[in-house]
């Protein structure tokens, strides 16, 4: 069964972390439905929100890989409803 989820990430040093972040996100392109990035240069951070539709294991794998990047904080909100 598939779930809808929103993955929120804070990149604390986007110039150093965005390449690794984008590479991981690109490797999960099959489950990604949309993405929004908000740079906040005066604070030296970027906020990223990713909408996904996939198996729970796929979503957790994406979240886990993003969370392992130094200076990246990640949280996921997942639907209770199965699709």
PDB file of N, CA and C in Angstrom:
ATOM      1  N   UNK A   1       0.832  -1.191   0.000  1.00  0.00           N
ATOM      2  CA  UNK A   1       0.000   0.000   0.000  1.00  0.00           C
ATOM      3  C   UNK A   1       0.875   1.253   0.000  1.00  0.00           C
ATOM      4  N   UNK A   2       0.380   2.268  -0.657  1.00  0.00           N
ATOM      5  CA  UNK A   2       1.122   3.521  -0.736  1.00  0.00           C
ATOM      6  C   UNK A   2       0.546   4.550   0.217  1.00  0.00           C
ATOM      7  N   UNK A   3       1.384   5.470   0.601  1.00  0.00           N
ATOM      8  CA  UNK A   3       1.026   6.579   1.481  1.00  0.00           C
ATOM      9  C   UNK A   3       1.429   7.887   0.810  1.00  0.00           C
ATOM     10  N   UNK A   4       0.730   8.945   1.176  1.00  0.00           N
ATOM     11  CA  UNK A   4       1.123  10.292   0.801  1.00  0.00           C
ATOM     12  C   UNK A   4       1.893  10.866   1.979  1.00  0.00           C
ATOM     13  N   UNK A   5       2.977  11.561   1.696  1.00  0.00           N
ATOM     14  CA  UNK A   5       3.765  12.152   2.769  1.00  0.00           C
ATOM     15  C   UNK A   5       4.358  13.482   2.317  1.00  0.00           C
ATOM     16  N   UNK A   6       4.684  14.291   3.309  1.00  0.00           N
ATOM     17  CA  UNK A   6       5.407  15.532   3.072  1.00  0.00           C
ATOM     18  C   UNK A   6       6.694  15.456   3.885  1.00  0.00           C
ATOM     19  N   UNK A   7       7.801  15.603   3.181  1.00  0.00           N
ATOM     20  CA  UNK A   7       9.110  15.600   3.830  1.00  0.00           C
ATOM     21  C   UNK A   7       9.587  17.044   3.900  1.00  0.00           C
ATOM     22  N   UNK A   8       9.885  17.502   5.105  1.00  0.00           N
ATOM     23  CA  UNK A   8      10.381  18.864   5.309  1.00  0.00           C
ATOM     24  C   UNK A   8      11.839  18.795   5.714  1.00  0.00           C
ATOM     25  N   UNK A   9      12.638  19.653   5.112  1.00  0.00           N
ATOM     26  CA  UNK A   9      14.071  19.650   5.410  1.00  0.00           C
ATOM     27  C   UNK A   9      14.581  21.072   5.594  1.00  0.00           C
ATOM     28  N   UNK A  10      15.524  21.214   6.514  1.00  0.00           N
ATOM     29  CA  UNK A  10      16.241  22.469   6.714  1.00  0.00           C
ATOM     30  C   UNK A  10      17.703  22.194   6.387  1.00  0.00           C
ATOM     31  N   UNK A  11      18.210  22.900   5.386  1.00  0.00           N
ATOM     32  CA  UNK A  11      19.619  22.793   5.015  1.00  0.00           C
ATOM     33  C   UNK A  11      20.331  23.968   5.665  1.00  0.00           C
ATOM     34  N   UNK A  12      21.159  23.689   6.659  1.00  0.00           N
ATOM     35  CA  UNK A  12      21.804  24.745   7.432  1.00  0.00           C
ATOM     36  C   UNK A  12      22.968  25.403   6.709  1.00  0.00           C
ATOM     37  N   UNK A  13      23.525  24.737   5.738  1.00  0.00           N
ATOM     38  CA  UNK A  13      24.605  25.308   4.941  1.00  0.00           C
ATOM     39  C   UNK A  13      24.373  24.868   3.495  1.00  0.00           C
ATOM     40  N   UNK A  14      23.389  25.491   2.830  1.00  0.00           N
ATOM     41  CA  UNK A  14      22.946  24.983   1.525  1.00  0.00           C
ATOM     42  C   UNK A  14      24.038  24.894   0.463  1.00  0.00           C
ATOM     43  N   UNK A  15      24.990  25.780   0.493  1.00  0.00           N
ATOM     44  CA  UNK A  15      26.048  25.719  -0.518  1.00  0.00           C
ATOM     45  C   UNK A  15      26.857  24.430  -0.408  1.00  0.00           C
ATOM     46  N   UNK A  16      27.013  23.931   0.809  1.00  0.00           N
ATOM     47  CA  UNK A  16      27.771  22.698   1.018  1.00  0.00           C
ATOM     48  C   UNK A  16      26.909  21.439   0.948  1.00  0.00           C
ATOM     49  N   UNK A  17      25.615  21.560   1.257  1.00  0.00           N
ATOM     50  CA  UNK A  17      24.768  20.371   1.384  1.00  0.00           C
ATOM     51  C   UNK A  17      23.832  20.131   0.205  1.00  0.00           C
ATOM     52  N   UNK A  18      23.555  21.147  -0.610  1.00  0.00           N
ATOM     53  CA  UNK A  18      22.516  20.989  -1.629  1.00  0.00           C
ATOM     54  C   UNK A  18      22.870  19.971  -2.711  1.00  0.00           C
ATOM     55  N   UNK A  19      24.148  19.796  -3.029  1.00  0.00           N
ATOM     56  CA  UNK A  19      24.522  18.826  -4.062  1.00  0.00           C
ATOM     57  C   UNK A  19      24.162  17.404  -3.619  1.00  0.00           C
ATOM     58  N   UNK A  20      24.585  17.028  -2.406  1.00  0.00           N
ATOM     59  CA  UNK A  20      24.253  15.700  -1.880  1.00  0.00           C
ATOM     60  C   UNK A  20      22.744  15.550  -1.726  1.00  0.00           C
ATOM     61  N   UNK A  21      22.091  16.578  -1.221  1.00  0.00           N
ATOM     62  CA  UNK A  21      20.642  16.559  -1.031  1.00  0.00           C
ATOM     63  C   UNK A  21      19.935  16.317  -2.362  1.00  0.00           C
ATOM     64  N   UNK A  22      20.293  17.088  -3.381  1.00  0.00           N
ATOM     65  CA  UNK A  22      19.650  16.961  -4.691  1.00  0.00           C
ATOM     66  C   UNK A  22      19.922  15.612  -5.344  1.00  0.00           C
ATOM     67  N   UNK A  23      21.112  15.073  -5.168  1.00  0.00           N
ATOM     68  CA  UNK A  23      21.437  13.753  -5.725  1.00  0.00           C
ATOM     69  C   UNK A  23      20.537  12.669  -5.124  1.00  0.00           C
ATOM     70  N   UNK A  24      20.333  12.728  -3.821  1.00  0.00           N
ATOM     71  CA  UNK A  24      19.476  11.735  -3.159  1.00  0.00           C
ATOM     72  C   UNK A  24      18.032  11.898  -3.612  1.00  0.00           C
ATOM     73  N   UNK A  25      17.544  13.134  -3.640  1.00  0.00           N
ATOM     74  CA  UNK A  25      16.167  13.378  -4.084  1.00  0.00           C
ATOM     75  C   UNK A  25      15.972  12.874  -5.518  1.00  0.00           C
ATOM     76  N   UNK A  26      16.918  13.127  -6.384  1.00  0.00           N
ATOM     77  CA  UNK A  26      16.813  12.686  -7.782  1.00  0.00           C
ATOM     78  C   UNK A  26      16.747  11.163  -7.886  1.00  0.00           C
ATOM     79  N   UNK A  27      17.411  10.467  -6.979  1.00  0.00           N
ATOM     80  CA  UNK A  27      17.397   9.011  -7.031  1.00  0.00           C
ATOM     81  C   UNK A  27      16.045   8.419  -6.622  1.00  0.00           C
ATOM     82  N   UNK A  28      15.166   9.247  -6.044  1.00  0.00           N
ATOM     83  CA  UNK A  28      13.817   8.820  -5.657  1.00  0.00           C
ATOM     84  C   UNK A  28      12.748   9.495  -6.518  1.00  0.00           C
ATOM     85  N   UNK A  29      13.117   9.913  -7.732  1.00  0.00           N
ATOM     86  CA  UNK A  29      12.192  10.683  -8.565  1.00  0.00           C
ATOM     87  C   UNK A  29      10.883   9.950  -8.858  1.00  0.00           C
ATOM     88  N   UNK A  30      10.871   8.632  -8.776  1.00  0.00           N
ATOM     89  CA  UNK A  30       9.671   7.863  -9.051  1.00  0.00           C
ATOM     90  C   UNK A  30       8.546   8.067  -8.050  1.00  0.00           C
ATOM     91  N   UNK A  31       8.859   8.502  -6.830  1.00  0.00           N
ATOM     92  CA  UNK A  31       7.814   8.705  -5.818  1.00  0.00           C
ATOM     93  C   UNK A  31       7.538  10.184  -5.544  1.00  0.00           C
ATOM     94  N   UNK A  32       8.323  11.070  -6.123  1.00  0.00           N
ATOM     95  CA  UNK A  32       8.183  12.498  -5.834  1.00  0.00           C
ATOM     96  C   UNK A  32       7.118  13.119  -6.725  1.00  0.00           C
ATOM     97  N   UNK A  33       6.172  13.799  -6.084  1.00  0.00           N
ATOM     98  CA  UNK A  33       5.080  14.466  -6.797  1.00  0.00           C
ATOM     99  C   UNK A  33       5.292  15.973  -6.907  1.00  0.00           C
ATOM    100  N   UNK A  34       6.070  16.552  -6.024  1.00  0.00           N
ATOM    101  CA  UNK A  34       6.333  17.986  -6.075  1.00  0.00           C
ATOM    102  C   UNK A  34       7.384  18.376  -5.059  1.00  0.00           C
ATOM    103  N   UNK A  35       7.965  19.537  -5.312  1.00  0.00           N
ATOM    104  CA  UNK A  35       9.045  20.012  -4.442  1.00  0.00           C
ATOM    105  C   UNK A  35       9.027  21.537  -4.418  1.00  0.00           C
ATOM    106  N   UNK A  36       9.263  22.095  -3.244  1.00  0.00           N
ATOM    107  CA  UNK A  36       9.343  23.545  -3.113  1.00  0.00           C
ATOM    108  C   UNK A  36      10.553  23.874  -2.248  1.00  0.00           C
ATOM    109  N   UNK A  37      11.373  24.781  -2.725  1.00  0.00           N
ATOM    110  CA  UNK A  37      12.531  25.223  -1.964  1.00  0.00           C
ATOM    111  C   UNK A  37      12.454  26.714  -1.691  1.00  0.00           C
ATOM    112  N   UNK A  38      12.781  27.091  -0.482  1.00  0.00           N
ATOM    113  CA  UNK A  38      12.761  28.495  -0.090  1.00  0.00           C
ATOM    114  C   UNK A  38      14.130  28.857   0.480  1.00  0.00           C
ATOM    115  N   UNK A  39      14.930  29.594  -0.281  1.00  0.00           N
ATOM    116  CA  UNK A  39      16.217  30.031   0.260  1.00  0.00           C
ATOM    117  C   UNK A  39      16.028  31.184   1.243  1.00  0.00           C
ATOM    118  N   UNK A  40      16.775  31.168   2.315  1.00  0.00           N
ATOM    119  CA  UNK A  40      16.776  32.263   3.281  1.00  0.00           C
ATOM    120  C   UNK A  40      18.239  32.649   3.487  1.00  0.00           C
ATOM    121  N   UNK A  41      18.804  33.368   2.511  1.00  0.00           N
ATOM    122  CA  UNK A  41      20.250  33.637   2.525  1.00  0.00           C
ATOM    123  C   UNK A  41      20.722  34.456   3.715  1.00  0.00           C
ATOM    124  N   UNK A  42      19.874  35.342   4.223  1.00  0.00           N
ATOM    125  CA  UNK A  42      20.314  36.168   5.361  1.00  0.00           C
ATOM    126  C   UNK A  42      20.543  35.331   6.617  1.00  0.00           C
ATOM    127  N   UNK A  43      19.941  34.137   6.674  1.00  0.00           N
ATOM    128  CA  UNK A  43      20.157  33.226   7.799  1.00  0.00           C
ATOM    129  C   UNK A  43      21.103  32.088   7.430  1.00  0.00           C
ATOM    130  N   UNK A  44      21.472  31.992   6.155  1.00  0.00           N
ATOM    131  CA  UNK A  44      22.370  30.935   5.709  1.00  0.00           C
ATOM    132  C   UNK A  44      21.721  29.570   5.665  1.00  0.00           C
ATOM    133  N   UNK A  45      20.391  29.529   5.419  1.00  0.00           N
ATOM    134  CA  UNK A  45      19.681  28.253   5.361  1.00  0.00           C
ATOM    135  C   UNK A  45      18.757  28.208   4.153  1.00  0.00           C
ATOM    136  N   UNK A  46      18.299  27.005   3.847  1.00  0.00           N
ATOM    137  CA  UNK A  46      17.240  26.808   2.859  1.00  0.00           C
ATOM    138  C   UNK A  46      16.226  25.846   3.448  1.00  0.00           C
ATOM    139  N   UNK A  47      14.957  26.089   3.141  1.00  0.00           N
ATOM    140  CA  UNK A  47      13.877  25.200   3.554  1.00  0.00           C
ATOM    141  C   UNK A  47      13.383  24.460   2.323  1.00  0.00           C
ATOM    142  N   UNK A  48      13.178  23.153   2.443  1.00  0.00           N
ATOM    143  CA  UNK A  48      12.707  22.355   1.314  1.00  0.00           C
ATOM    144  C   UNK A  48      11.542  21.498   1.778  1.00  0.00           C
ATOM    145  N   UNK A  49      10.481  21.474   0.957  1.00  0.00           N
ATOM    146  CA  UNK A  49       9.326  20.632   1.211  1.00  0.00           C
ATOM    147  C   UNK A  49       9.135  19.733  -0.008  1.00  0.00           C
ATOM    148  N   UNK A  50       9.008  18.426   0.230  1.00  0.00           N
ATOM    149  CA  UNK A  50       8.883  17.457  -0.857  1.00  0.00           C
ATOM    150  C   UNK A  50       7.615  16.634  -0.626  1.00  0.00           C
ATOM    151  N   UNK A  51       6.714  16.633  -1.617  1.00  0.00           N
ATOM    152  CA  UNK A  51       5.502  15.811  -1.560  1.00  0.00           C
ATOM    153  C   UNK A  51       5.784  14.493  -2.265  1.00  0.00           C
ATOM    154  N   UNK A  52       5.464  13.378  -1.596  1.00  0.00           N
ATOM    155  CA  UNK A  52       5.737  12.061  -2.161  1.00  0.00           C
ATOM    156  C   UNK A  52       4.512  11.158  -2.058  1.00  0.00           C
ATOM    157  N   UNK A  53       4.465  10.170  -2.942  1.00  0.00           N
ATOM    158  CA  UNK A  53       3.467   9.106  -2.910  1.00  0.00           C
ATOM    159  C   UNK A  53       4.215   7.809  -3.150  1.00  0.00           C
ATOM    160  N   UNK A  54       4.313   6.975  -2.124  1.00  0.00           N
ATOM    161  CA  UNK A  54       5.080   5.753  -2.274  1.00  0.00           C
ATOM    162  C   UNK A  54       4.856   4.795  -1.128  1.00  0.00           C
ATOM    163  N   UNK A  55       5.518   3.654  -1.215  1.00  0.00           N
ATOM    164  CA  UNK A  55       5.479   2.670  -0.140  1.00  0.00           C
ATOM    165  C   UNK A  55       6.153   3.270   1.097  1.00  0.00           C
ATOM    166  N   UNK A  56       5.691   2.860   2.265  1.00  0.00           N
ATOM    167  CA  UNK A  56       6.247   3.372   3.517  1.00  0.00           C
ATOM    168  C   UNK A  56       7.760   3.177   3.575  1.00  0.00           C
ATOM    169  N   UNK A  57       8.242   2.014   3.137  1.00  0.00           N
ATOM    170  CA  UNK A  57       9.685   1.747   3.166  1.00  0.00           C
ATOM    171  C   UNK A  57      10.457   2.705   2.265  1.00  0.00           C
ATOM    172  N   UNK A  58       9.887   3.031   1.098  1.00  0.00           N
ATOM    173  CA  UNK A  58      10.551   3.973   0.184  1.00  0.00           C
ATOM    174  C   UNK A  58      10.638   5.362   0.810  1.00  0.00           C
ATOM    175  N   UNK A  59       9.541   5.802   1.400  1.00  0.00           N
ATOM    176  CA  UNK A  59       9.501   7.131   2.025  1.00  0.00           C
ATOM    177  C   UNK A  59      10.488   7.196   3.184  1.00  0.00           C
ATOM    178  N   UNK A  60      10.494   6.151   4.004  1.00  0.00           N
ATOM    179  CA  UNK A  60      11.431   6.118   5.136  1.00  0.00           C
ATOM    180  C   UNK A  60      12.884   6.062   4.671  1.00  0.00           C
ATOM    181  N   UNK A  61      13.126   5.373   3.573  1.00  0.00           N
ATOM    182  CA  UNK A  61      14.486   5.310   3.030  1.00  0.00           C
ATOM    183  C   UNK A  61      14.951   6.684   2.573  1.00  0.00           C
ATOM    184  N   UNK A  62      14.094   7.390   1.866  1.00  0.00           N
ATOM    185  CA  UNK A  62      14.424   8.750   1.415  1.00  0.00           C
ATOM    186  C   UNK A  62      14.687   9.655   2.606  1.00  0.00           C
ATOM    187  N   UNK A  63      13.789   9.627   3.574  1.00  0.00           N
ATOM    188  CA  UNK A  63      13.951  10.460   4.771  1.00  0.00           C
ATOM    189  C   UNK A  63      15.248  10.125   5.501  1.00  0.00           C
ATOM    190  N   UNK A  64      15.535   8.844   5.644  1.00  0.00           N
ATOM    191  CA  UNK A  64      16.748   8.420   6.344  1.00  0.00           C
ATOM    192  C   UNK A  64      18.016   8.866   5.645  1.00  0.00           C
ATOM    193  N   UNK A  65      18.052   8.730   4.329  1.00  0.00           N
ATOM    194  CA  UNK A  65      19.244   9.137   3.580  1.00  0.00           C
ATOM    195  C   UNK A  65      19.453  10.644   3.655  1.00  0.00           C
ATOM    196  N   UNK A  66      18.367  11.407   3.566  1.00  0.00           N
ATOM    197  CA  UNK A  66      18.491  12.870   3.671  1.00  0.00           C
ATOM    198  C   UNK A  66      18.956  13.268   5.070  1.00  0.00           C
ATOM    199  N   UNK A  67      18.444  12.587   6.081  1.00  0.00           N
ATOM    200  CA  UNK A  67      18.798  12.901   7.461  1.00  0.00           C
ATOM    201  C   UNK A  67      20.231  12.589   7.815  1.00  0.00           C
ATOM    202  N   UNK A  68      20.891  11.741   7.032  1.00  0.00           N
ATOM    203  CA  UNK A  68      22.295  11.406   7.293  1.00  0.00           C
ATOM    204  C   UNK A  68      23.265  12.464   6.771  1.00  0.00           C
ATOM    205  N   UNK A  69      22.764  13.403   5.972  1.00  0.00           N
ATOM    206  CA  UNK A  69      23.627  14.470   5.464  1.00  0.00           C
ATOM    207  C   UNK A  69      23.926  15.441   6.603  1.00  0.00           C
ATOM    208  N   UNK A  70      25.189  15.749   6.785  1.00  0.00           N
ATOM    209  CA  UNK A  70      25.601  16.694   7.818  1.00  0.00           C
ATOM    210  C   UNK A  70      24.939  18.050   7.566  1.00  0.00           C
ATOM    211  N   UNK A  71      24.448  18.685   8.613  1.00  0.00           N
ATOM    212  CA  UNK A  71      23.818  20.005   8.572  1.00  0.00           C
ATOM    213  C   UNK A  71      22.466  20.009   7.863  1.00  0.00           C
ATOM    214  N   UNK A  72      21.793  18.840   7.794  1.00  0.00           N
ATOM    215  CA  UNK A  72      20.444  18.752   7.245  1.00  0.00           C
ATOM    216  C   UNK A  72      19.543  18.122   8.303  1.00  0.00           C
ATOM    217  N   UNK A  73      18.429  18.798   8.606  1.00  0.00           N
ATOM    218  CA  UNK A  73      17.430  18.279   9.539  1.00  0.00           C
ATOM    219  C   UNK A  73      16.188  17.920   8.746  1.00  0.00           C
ATOM    220  N   UNK A  74      15.612  16.739   9.018  1.00  0.00           N
ATOM    221  CA  UNK A  74      14.489  16.239   8.219  1.00  0.00           C
ATOM    222  C   UNK A  74      13.389  15.702   9.124  1.00  0.00           C
ATOM    223  N   UNK A  75      12.140  15.985   8.753  1.00  0.00           N
ATOM    224  CA  UNK A  75      10.956  15.422   9.411  1.00  0.00           C
ATOM    225  C   UNK A  75       9.960  15.035   8.333  1.00  0.00           C
ATOM    226  N   UNK A  76       9.172  14.004   8.610  1.00  0.00           N
ATOM    227  CA  UNK A  76       8.186  13.532   7.649  1.00  0.00           C
ATOM    228  C   UNK A  76       6.822  13.437   8.312  1.00  0.00           C
ATOM    229  N   UNK A  77       5.801  13.909   7.604  1.00  0.00           N
ATOM    230  CA  UNK A  77       4.411  13.717   8.007  1.00  0.00           C
ATOM    231  C   UNK A  77       3.783  12.786   6.972  1.00  0.00           C
ATOM    232  N   UNK A  78       3.235  11.655   7.442  1.00  0.00           N
ATOM    233  CA  UNK A  78       2.708  10.644   6.535  1.00  0.00           C
ATOM    234  C   UNK A  78       1.206  10.479   6.747  1.00  0.00           C
ATOM    235  N   UNK A  79       0.482  10.282   5.643  1.00  0.00           N
ATOM    236  CA  UNK A  79      -0.966  10.095   5.712  1.00  0.00           C
ATOM    237  C   UNK A  79      -1.305   8.809   6.469  1.00  0.00           C
ATOM    238  N   UNK A  80      -2.449   8.820   7.103  1.00  0.00           N
ATOM    239  CA  UNK A  80      -2.944   7.602   7.742  1.00  0.00           C
ATOM    240  C   UNK A  80      -3.644   6.718   6.723  1.00  0.00           C
ATOM    241  N   UNK A  81      -4.131   7.342   5.665  1.00  0.00           N
ATOM    242  CA  UNK A  81      -4.866   6.631   4.620  1.00  0.00           C
ATOM    243  C   UNK A  81      -3.919   5.945   3.651  1.00  0.00           C
ATOM    244  N   UNK A  82      -4.278   4.724   3.261  1.00  0.00           N
ATOM    245  CA  UNK A  82      -3.524   3.985   2.256  1.00  0.00           C
ATOM    246  C   UNK A  82      -4.113   4.264   0.874  1.00  0.00           C
ATOM    247  N   UNK A  83      -3.247   4.236  -0.131  1.00  0.00           N
ATOM    248  CA  UNK A  83      -3.689   4.438  -1.524  1.00  0.00           C
ATOM    249  C   UNK A  83      -3.261   3.257  -2.366  1.00  0.00           C
TER     250      UNK A  83
END
